[in-house]
Amino acid sequence: DWKQQLAVRAVEGGIAVFSPHTSWDSVRGGLND
């Protein structure tokens, strides 16, 4: 699975992954504004 591949690559490469998604949508002055 390509998403599982990405997770493995991130772990092996020592890369942290962060997602804000709907918190960016909701916050005042955020994506929807």
PDB file of all heavy atoms in Angstrom:
ATOM      1  N   ASP A   1       0.846  -1.189   0.000  1.00  0.00           N
ATOM      2  CA  ASP A   1       0.000   0.000   0.000  1.00  0.00           C
ATOM      3  C   ASP A   1       0.880   1.237   0.000  1.00  0.00           C
ATOM      4  O   ASP A   1       1.830   1.347   0.783  1.00  0.00           O
ATOM      5  CB  ASP A   1      -0.895  -0.011   1.246  1.00  0.00           C
ATOM      6  CG  ASP A   1      -1.792   1.213   1.326  1.00  0.00           C
ATOM      7  OD1 ASP A   1      -2.899   1.158   0.770  1.00  0.00           O
ATOM      8  OD2 ASP A   1      -1.368   2.215   1.938  1.00  0.00           O
ATOM      9  N   TRP A   2       0.533   2.225  -0.857  1.00  0.00           N
ATOM     10  CA  TRP A   2       1.419   3.382  -1.011  1.00  0.00           C
ATOM     11  C   TRP A   2       1.482   4.250   0.241  1.00  0.00           C
ATOM     12  O   TRP A   2       2.523   4.838   0.543  1.00  0.00           O
ATOM     13  CB  TRP A   2       0.999   4.208  -2.227  1.00  0.00           C
ATOM     14  CG  TRP A   2      -0.307   4.940  -2.122  1.00  0.00           C
ATOM     15  CD1 TRP A   2      -1.539   4.453  -2.385  1.00  0.00           C
ATOM     16  CD2 TRP A   2      -0.488   6.306  -1.732  1.00  0.00           C
ATOM     17  NE1 TRP A   2      -2.508   5.422  -2.190  1.00  0.00           N
ATOM     18  CE2 TRP A   2      -1.890   6.571  -1.800  1.00  0.00           C
ATOM     19  CE3 TRP A   2       0.366   7.335  -1.346  1.00  0.00           C
ATOM     20  CZ2 TRP A   2      -2.435   7.818  -1.474  1.00  0.00           C
ATOM     21  CZ3 TRP A   2      -0.170   8.581  -1.031  1.00  0.00           C
ATOM     22  CH2 TRP A   2      -1.554   8.803  -1.095  1.00  0.00           C
ATOM     23  N   LYS A   3       0.401   4.310   1.015  1.00  0.00           N
ATOM     24  CA  LYS A   3       0.432   5.106   2.242  1.00  0.00           C
ATOM     25  C   LYS A   3       1.287   4.421   3.307  1.00  0.00           C
ATOM     26  O   LYS A   3       1.995   5.085   4.071  1.00  0.00           O
ATOM     27  CB  LYS A   3      -0.979   5.344   2.749  1.00  0.00           C
ATOM     28  CG  LYS A   3      -1.774   6.321   1.888  1.00  0.00           C
ATOM     29  CD  LYS A   3      -3.097   6.700   2.523  1.00  0.00           C
ATOM     30  CE  LYS A   3      -3.810   7.749   1.687  1.00  0.00           C
ATOM     31  NZ  LYS A   3      -5.094   8.177   2.276  1.00  0.00           N
ATOM     32  N   GLN A   4       1.226   3.103   3.350  1.00  0.00           N
ATOM     33  CA  GLN A   4       2.093   2.382   4.279  1.00  0.00           C
ATOM     34  C   GLN A   4       3.557   2.534   3.882  1.00  0.00           C
ATOM     35  O   GLN A   4       4.440   2.658   4.745  1.00  0.00           O
ATOM     36  CB  GLN A   4       1.684   0.912   4.314  1.00  0.00           C
ATOM     37  CG  GLN A   4       0.293   0.690   4.898  1.00  0.00           C
ATOM     38  CD  GLN A   4      -0.137  -0.765   4.858  1.00  0.00           C
ATOM     39  OE1 GLN A   4       0.666  -1.662   5.046  1.00  0.00           O
ATOM     40  NE2 GLN A   4      -1.413  -0.990   4.601  1.00  0.00           N
ATOM     41  N   GLN A   5       3.814   2.564   2.587  1.00  0.00           N
ATOM     42  CA  GLN A   5       5.179   2.800   2.114  1.00  0.00           C
ATOM     43  C   GLN A   5       5.696   4.149   2.606  1.00  0.00           C
ATOM     44  O   GLN A   5       6.848   4.276   3.037  1.00  0.00           O
ATOM     45  CB  GLN A   5       5.228   2.747   0.592  1.00  0.00           C
ATOM     46  CG  GLN A   5       5.010   1.373  -0.013  1.00  0.00           C
ATOM     47  CD  GLN A   5       4.941   1.426  -1.530  1.00  0.00           C
ATOM     48  OE1 GLN A   5       5.235   2.445  -2.152  1.00  0.00           O
ATOM     49  NE2 GLN A   5       4.551   0.316  -2.144  1.00  0.00           N
ATOM     50  N   LEU A   6       4.832   5.168   2.536  1.00  0.00           N
ATOM     51  CA  LEU A   6       5.236   6.501   2.991  1.00  0.00           C
ATOM     52  C   LEU A   6       5.552   6.506   4.479  1.00  0.00           C
ATOM     53  O   LEU A   6       6.514   7.145   4.924  1.00  0.00           O
ATOM     54  CB  LEU A   6       4.129   7.513   2.692  1.00  0.00           C
ATOM     55  CG  LEU A   6       3.871   7.840   1.213  1.00  0.00           C
ATOM     56  CD1 LEU A   6       2.688   8.797   1.089  1.00  0.00           C
ATOM     57  CD2 LEU A   6       5.108   8.445   0.575  1.00  0.00           C
ATOM     58  N   ALA A   7       4.733   5.819   5.261  1.00  0.00           N
ATOM     59  CA  ALA A   7       4.972   5.754   6.708  1.00  0.00           C
ATOM     60  C   ALA A   7       6.320   5.098   7.002  1.00  0.00           C
ATOM     61  O   ALA A   7       7.081   5.578   7.849  1.00  0.00           O
ATOM     62  CB  ALA A   7       3.837   4.989   7.383  1.00  0.00           C
ATOM     63  N   VAL A   8       6.613   4.009   6.296  1.00  0.00           N
ATOM     64  CA  VAL A   8       7.885   3.307   6.491  1.00  0.00           C
ATOM     65  C   VAL A   8       9.055   4.207   6.086  1.00  0.00           C
ATOM     66  O   VAL A   8      10.075   4.287   6.793  1.00  0.00           O
ATOM     67  CB  VAL A   8       7.898   1.989   5.691  1.00  0.00           C
ATOM     68  CG1 VAL A   8       9.285   1.363   5.732  1.00  0.00           C
ATOM     69  CG2 VAL A   8       6.870   1.012   6.257  1.00  0.00           C
ATOM     70  N   ARG A   9       8.921   4.891   4.956  1.00  0.00           N
ATOM     71  CA  ARG A   9       9.996   5.776   4.496  1.00  0.00           C
ATOM     72  C   ARG A   9      10.243   6.905   5.500  1.00  0.00           C
ATOM     73  O   ARG A   9      11.398   7.289   5.739  1.00  0.00           O
ATOM     74  CB  ARG A   9       9.655   6.344   3.120  1.00  0.00           C
ATOM     75  CG  ARG A   9       9.738   5.337   1.996  1.00  0.00           C
ATOM     76  CD  ARG A   9       9.284   5.922   0.672  1.00  0.00           C
ATOM     77  NE  ARG A   9      10.198   6.964   0.186  1.00  0.00           N
ATOM     78  CZ  ARG A   9      10.036   7.606  -0.971  1.00  0.00           C
ATOM     79  NH1 ARG A   9       8.974   7.327  -1.742  1.00  0.00           N
ATOM     80  NH2 ARG A   9      10.904   8.526  -1.356  1.00  0.00           N
ATOM     81  N   ALA A  10       9.179   7.435   6.063  1.00  0.00           N
ATOM     82  CA  ALA A  10       9.340   8.500   7.047  1.00  0.00           C
ATOM     83  C   ALA A  10      10.073   7.992   8.280  1.00  0.00           C
ATOM     84  O   ALA A  10      10.996   8.643   8.791  1.00  0.00           O
ATOM     85  CB  ALA A  10       7.982   9.070   7.428  1.00  0.00           C
ATOM     86  N   VAL A  11       9.678   6.825   8.758  1.00  0.00           N
ATOM     87  CA  VAL A  11      10.329   6.243   9.937  1.00  0.00           C
ATOM     88  C   VAL A  11      11.796   5.958   9.654  1.00  0.00           C
ATOM     89  O   VAL A  11      12.683   6.308  10.438  1.00  0.00           O
ATOM     90  CB  VAL A  11       9.595   4.959  10.366  1.00  0.00           C
ATOM     91  CG1 VAL A  11      10.393   4.229  11.432  1.00  0.00           C
ATOM     92  CG2 VAL A  11       8.198   5.287  10.889  1.00  0.00           C
ATOM     93  N   GLU A  12      12.056   5.322   8.515  1.00  0.00           N
ATOM     94  CA  GLU A  12      13.440   4.963   8.178  1.00  0.00           C
ATOM     95  C   GLU A  12      14.297   6.203   7.933  1.00  0.00           C
ATOM     96  O   GLU A  12      15.500   6.200   8.217  1.00  0.00           O
ATOM     97  CB  GLU A  12      13.449   4.069   6.938  1.00  0.00           C
ATOM     98  CG  GLU A  12      12.861   2.688   7.177  1.00  0.00           C
ATOM     99  CD  GLU A  12      12.837   1.835   5.928  1.00  0.00           C
ATOM    100  OE1 GLU A  12      12.945   2.394   4.803  1.00  0.00           O
ATOM    101  OE2 GLU A  12      12.716   0.598   6.059  1.00  0.00           O
ATOM    102  N   GLY A  13      13.684   7.263   7.419  1.00  0.00           N
ATOM    103  CA  GLY A  13      14.439   8.485   7.138  1.00  0.00           C
ATOM    104  C   GLY A  13      14.522   9.448   8.305  1.00  0.00           C
ATOM    105  O   GLY A  13      15.141  10.507   8.186  1.00  0.00           O
ATOM    106  N   GLY A  14      13.890   9.097   9.424  1.00  0.00           N
ATOM    107  CA  GLY A  14      13.917   9.980  10.585  1.00  0.00           C
ATOM    108  C   GLY A  14      13.164  11.277  10.354  1.00  0.00           C
ATOM    109  O   GLY A  14      13.516  12.327  10.900  1.00  0.00           O
ATOM    110  N   ILE A  15      12.090  11.210   9.537  1.00  0.00           N
ATOM    111  CA  ILE A  15      11.311  12.397   9.203  1.00  0.00           C
ATOM    112  C   ILE A  15      10.007  12.388   9.998  1.00  0.00           C
ATOM    113  O   ILE A  15       9.220  11.442   9.902  1.00  0.00           O
ATOM    114  CB  ILE A  15      10.995  12.444   7.696  1.00  0.00           C
ATOM    115  CG1 ILE A  15      12.280  12.409   6.878  1.00  0.00           C
ATOM    116  CG2 ILE A  15      10.182  13.691   7.356  1.00  0.00           C
ATOM    117  CD1 ILE A  15      12.048  12.296   5.378  1.00  0.00           C
ATOM    118  N   ALA A  16       9.777  13.426  10.762  1.00  0.00           N
ATOM    119  CA  ALA A  16       8.511  13.562  11.483  1.00  0.00           C
ATOM    120  C   ALA A  16       7.434  14.036  10.507  1.00  0.00           C
ATOM    121  O   ALA A  16       7.718  14.764   9.553  1.00  0.00           O
ATOM    122  CB  ALA A  16       8.644  14.547  12.635  1.00  0.00           C
ATOM    123  N   VAL A  17       6.197  13.598  10.750  1.00  0.00           N
ATOM    124  CA  VAL A  17       5.068  14.003   9.907  1.00  0.00           C
ATOM    125  C   VAL A  17       3.960  14.538  10.797  1.00  0.00           C
ATOM    126  O   VAL A  17       3.544  13.879  11.759  1.00  0.00           O
ATOM    127  CB  VAL A  17       4.541  12.827   9.061  1.00  0.00           C
ATOM    128  CG1 VAL A  17       3.354  13.283   8.204  1.00  0.00           C
ATOM    129  CG2 VAL A  17       5.642  12.251   8.170  1.00  0.00           C
ATOM    130  N   PHE A  18       3.480  15.727  10.454  1.00  0.00           N
ATOM    131  CA  PHE A  18       2.435  16.398  11.227  1.00  0.00           C
ATOM    132  C   PHE A  18       1.319  16.813  10.281  1.00  0.00           C
ATOM    133  O   PHE A  18       1.577  17.252   9.158  1.00  0.00           O
ATOM    134  CB  PHE A  18       3.017  17.631  11.927  1.00  0.00           C
ATOM    135  CG  PHE A  18       2.009  18.465  12.686  1.00  0.00           C
ATOM    136  CD1 PHE A  18       1.776  18.238  14.027  1.00  0.00           C
ATOM    137  CD2 PHE A  18       1.305  19.490  12.056  1.00  0.00           C
ATOM    138  CE1 PHE A  18       0.853  19.007  14.733  1.00  0.00           C
ATOM    139  CE2 PHE A  18       0.395  20.261  12.742  1.00  0.00           C
ATOM    140  CZ  PHE A  18       0.166  20.022  14.094  1.00  0.00           C
ATOM    141  N   SER A  19       0.054  16.676  10.739  1.00  0.00           N
ATOM    142  CA  SER A  19      -1.081  17.116   9.926  1.00  0.00           C
ATOM    143  C   SER A  19      -2.008  17.992  10.753  1.00  0.00           C
ATOM    144  O   SER A  19      -2.463  17.583  11.825  1.00  0.00           O
ATOM    145  CB  SER A  19      -1.862  15.922   9.374  1.00  0.00           C
ATOM    146  OG  SER A  19      -3.007  16.369   8.667  1.00  0.00           O
ATOM    147  N   PRO A  20      -2.352  19.203  10.249  1.00  0.00           N
ATOM    148  CA  PRO A  20      -3.275  20.088  10.954  1.00  0.00           C
ATOM    149  C   PRO A  20      -4.716  19.963  10.470  1.00  0.00           C
ATOM    150  O   PRO A  20      -5.646  20.185  11.208  1.00  0.00           O
ATOM    151  CB  PRO A  20      -2.730  21.479  10.629  1.00  0.00           C
ATOM    152  CG  PRO A  20      -2.161  21.313   9.250  1.00  0.00           C
ATOM    153  CD  PRO A  20      -1.645  19.897   9.162  1.00  0.00           C
ATOM    154  N   HIS A  21      -4.905  19.688   9.195  1.00  0.00           N
ATOM    155  CA  HIS A  21      -6.178  19.523   8.495  1.00  0.00           C
ATOM    156  C   HIS A  21      -7.263  20.487   8.991  1.00  0.00           C
ATOM    157  O   HIS A  21      -7.143  21.689   8.842  1.00  0.00           O
ATOM    158  CB  HIS A  21      -6.636  18.070   8.551  1.00  0.00           C
ATOM    159  CG  HIS A  21      -7.603  17.720   7.456  1.00  0.00           C
ATOM    160  ND1 HIS A  21      -8.468  16.642   7.515  1.00  0.00           N
ATOM    161  CD2 HIS A  21      -7.868  18.335   6.277  1.00  0.00           C
ATOM    162  CE1 HIS A  21      -9.195  16.582   6.421  1.00  0.00           C
ATOM    163  NE2 HIS A  21      -8.858  17.602   5.642  1.00  0.00           N
ATOM    164  N   THR A  22      -8.346  19.960   9.595  1.00  0.00           N
ATOM    165  CA  THR A  22      -9.500  20.816   9.894  1.00  0.00           C
ATOM    166  C   THR A  22      -9.250  21.830  11.010  1.00  0.00           C
ATOM    167  O   THR A  22     -10.071  22.729  11.212  1.00  0.00           O
ATOM    168  CB  THR A  22     -10.742  19.969  10.234  1.00  0.00           C
ATOM    169  OG1 THR A  22     -10.414  19.017  11.251  1.00  0.00           O
ATOM    170  CG2 THR A  22     -11.230  19.219   8.994  1.00  0.00           C
ATOM    171  N   SER A  23      -8.128  21.717  11.718  1.00  0.00           N
ATOM    172  CA  SER A  23      -7.799  22.785  12.673  1.00  0.00           C
ATOM    173  C   SER A  23      -7.416  24.053  11.909  1.00  0.00           C
ATOM    174  O   SER A  23      -7.742  25.166  12.343  1.00  0.00           O
ATOM    175  CB  SER A  23      -6.668  22.358  13.607  1.00  0.00           C
ATOM    176  OG  SER A  23      -5.453  22.171  12.915  1.00  0.00           O
ATOM    177  N   TRP A  24      -6.764  23.917  10.766  1.00  0.00           N
ATOM    178  CA  TRP A  24      -6.465  25.076   9.915  1.00  0.00           C
ATOM    179  C   TRP A  24      -7.746  25.645   9.314  1.00  0.00           C
ATOM    180  O   TRP A  24      -7.870  26.850   9.143  1.00  0.00           O
ATOM    181  CB  TRP A  24      -5.521  24.669   8.780  1.00  0.00           C
ATOM    182  CG  TRP A  24      -4.076  24.661   9.158  1.00  0.00           C
ATOM    183  CD1 TRP A  24      -3.551  24.772  10.408  1.00  0.00           C
ATOM    184  CD2 TRP A  24      -2.972  24.534   8.266  1.00  0.00           C
ATOM    185  NE1 TRP A  24      -2.183  24.704  10.357  1.00  0.00           N
ATOM    186  CE2 TRP A  24      -1.795  24.559   9.055  1.00  0.00           C
ATOM    187  CE3 TRP A  24      -2.850  24.387   6.890  1.00  0.00           C
ATOM    188  CZ2 TRP A  24      -0.523  24.459   8.496  1.00  0.00           C
ATOM    189  CZ3 TRP A  24      -1.582  24.274   6.330  1.00  0.00           C
ATOM    190  CH2 TRP A  24      -0.427  24.316   7.126  1.00  0.00           C
ATOM    191  N   ASP A  25      -8.696  24.768   8.978  1.00  0.00           N
ATOM    192  CA  ASP A  25      -9.972  25.236   8.423  1.00  0.00           C
ATOM    193  C   ASP A  25     -10.730  26.084   9.433  1.00  0.00           C
ATOM    194  O   ASP A  25     -11.360  27.084   9.092  1.00  0.00           O
ATOM    195  CB  ASP A  25     -10.871  24.048   8.054  1.00  0.00           C
ATOM    196  CG  ASP A  25     -10.283  23.183   6.954  1.00  0.00           C
ATOM    197  OD1 ASP A  25      -9.297  23.594   6.326  1.00  0.00           O
ATOM    198  OD2 ASP A  25     -10.826  22.095   6.721  1.00  0.00           O
ATOM    199  N   SER A  26     -10.699  25.660  10.678  1.00  0.00           N
ATOM    200  CA  SER A  26     -11.563  26.229  11.712  1.00  0.00           C
ATOM    201  C   SER A  26     -11.019  27.496  12.341  1.00  0.00           C
ATOM    202  O   SER A  26     -11.782  28.402  12.676  1.00  0.00           O
ATOM    203  CB  SER A  26     -11.814  25.183  12.810  1.00  0.00           C
ATOM    204  OG  SER A  26     -12.618  25.702  13.837  1.00  0.00           O
ATOM    205  N   VAL A  27      -9.708  27.584  12.519  1.00  0.00           N
ATOM    206  CA  VAL A  27      -9.129  28.658  13.313  1.00  0.00           C
ATOM    207  C   VAL A  27      -9.436  30.029  12.708  1.00  0.00           C
ATOM    208  O   VAL A  27      -9.534  30.188  11.490  1.00  0.00           O
ATOM    209  CB  VAL A  27      -7.603  28.454  13.470  1.00  0.00           C
ATOM    210  CG1 VAL A  27      -6.867  28.716  12.158  1.00  0.00           C
ATOM    211  CG2 VAL A  27      -7.056  29.337  14.576  1.00  0.00           C
ATOM    212  N   ARG A  28      -9.595  30.987  13.566  1.00  0.00           N
ATOM    213  CA  ARG A  28      -9.836  32.366  13.119  1.00  0.00           C
ATOM    214  C   ARG A  28      -8.643  32.865  12.316  1.00  0.00           C
ATOM    215  O   ARG A  28      -7.497  32.755  12.757  1.00  0.00           O
ATOM    216  CB  ARG A  28     -10.068  33.267  14.327  1.00  0.00           C
ATOM    217  CG  ARG A  28     -10.464  34.682  13.976  1.00  0.00           C
ATOM    218  CD  ARG A  28     -10.851  35.441  15.224  1.00  0.00           C
ATOM    219  NE  ARG A  28     -11.406  36.751  14.903  1.00  0.00           N
ATOM    220  CZ  ARG A  28     -11.963  37.556  15.783  1.00  0.00           C
ATOM    221  NH1 ARG A  28     -12.050  37.183  17.061  1.00  0.00           N
ATOM    222  NH2 ARG A  28     -12.446  38.716  15.427  1.00  0.00           N
ATOM    223  N   GLY A  29      -8.905  33.405  11.133  1.00  0.00           N
ATOM    224  CA  GLY A  29      -7.829  33.846  10.259  1.00  0.00           C
ATOM    225  C   GLY A  29      -7.184  32.703   9.497  1.00  0.00           C
ATOM    226  O   GLY A  29      -6.128  32.895   8.873  1.00  0.00           O
ATOM    227  N   GLY A  30      -7.815  31.536   9.532  1.00  0.00           N
ATOM    228  CA  GLY A  30      -7.242  30.353   8.896  1.00  0.00           C
ATOM    229  C   GLY A  30      -7.641  30.183   7.441  1.00  0.00           C
ATOM    230  O   GLY A  30      -7.950  31.152   6.732  1.00  0.00           O
ATOM    231  N   LEU A  31      -7.668  28.934   7.006  1.00  0.00           N
ATOM    232  CA  LEU A  31      -7.829  28.628   5.593  1.00  0.00           C
ATOM    233  C   LEU A  31      -9.141  29.142   5.015  1.00  0.00           C
ATOM    234  O   LEU A  31      -9.173  29.718   3.924  1.00  0.00           O
ATOM    235  CB  LEU A  31      -7.712  27.102   5.393  1.00  0.00           C
ATOM    236  CG  LEU A  31      -7.359  26.596   4.000  1.00  0.00           C
ATOM    237  CD1 LEU A  31      -6.823  25.178   4.072  1.00  0.00           C
ATOM    238  CD2 LEU A  31      -8.532  26.625   3.044  1.00  0.00           C
ATOM    239  N   ASN A  32     -10.241  28.960   5.737  1.00  0.00           N
ATOM    240  CA  ASN A  32     -11.524  29.397   5.194  1.00  0.00           C
ATOM    241  C   ASN A  32     -11.645  30.916   5.154  1.00  0.00           C
ATOM    242  O   ASN A  32     -12.289  31.467   4.252  1.00  0.00           O
ATOM    243  CB  ASN A  32     -12.680  28.786   5.996  1.00  0.00           C
ATOM    244  CG  ASN A  32     -13.018  27.385   5.530  1.00  0.00           C
ATOM    245  OD1 ASN A  32     -13.240  27.149   4.349  1.00  0.00           O
ATOM    246  ND2 ASN A  32     -13.038  26.432   6.458  1.00  0.00           N
ATOM    247  N   ASP A  33     -11.034  31.610   6.109  1.00  0.00           N
ATOM    248  CA  ASP A  33     -11.012  33.069   6.046  1.00  0.00           C
ATOM    249  C   ASP A  33     -10.191  33.536   4.852  1.00  0.00           C
ATOM    250  O   ASP A  33     -10.547  34.510   4.181  1.00  0.00           O
ATOM    251  CB  ASP A  33     -10.447  33.649   7.347  1.00  0.00           C
ATOM    252  CG  ASP A  33     -11.445  33.584   8.488  1.00  0.00           C
ATOM    253  OD1 ASP A  33     -12.540  34.151   8.347  1.00  0.00           O
ATOM    254  OD2 ASP A  33     -11.136  32.960   9.515  1.00  0.00           O
TER     255      ASP A  33
END
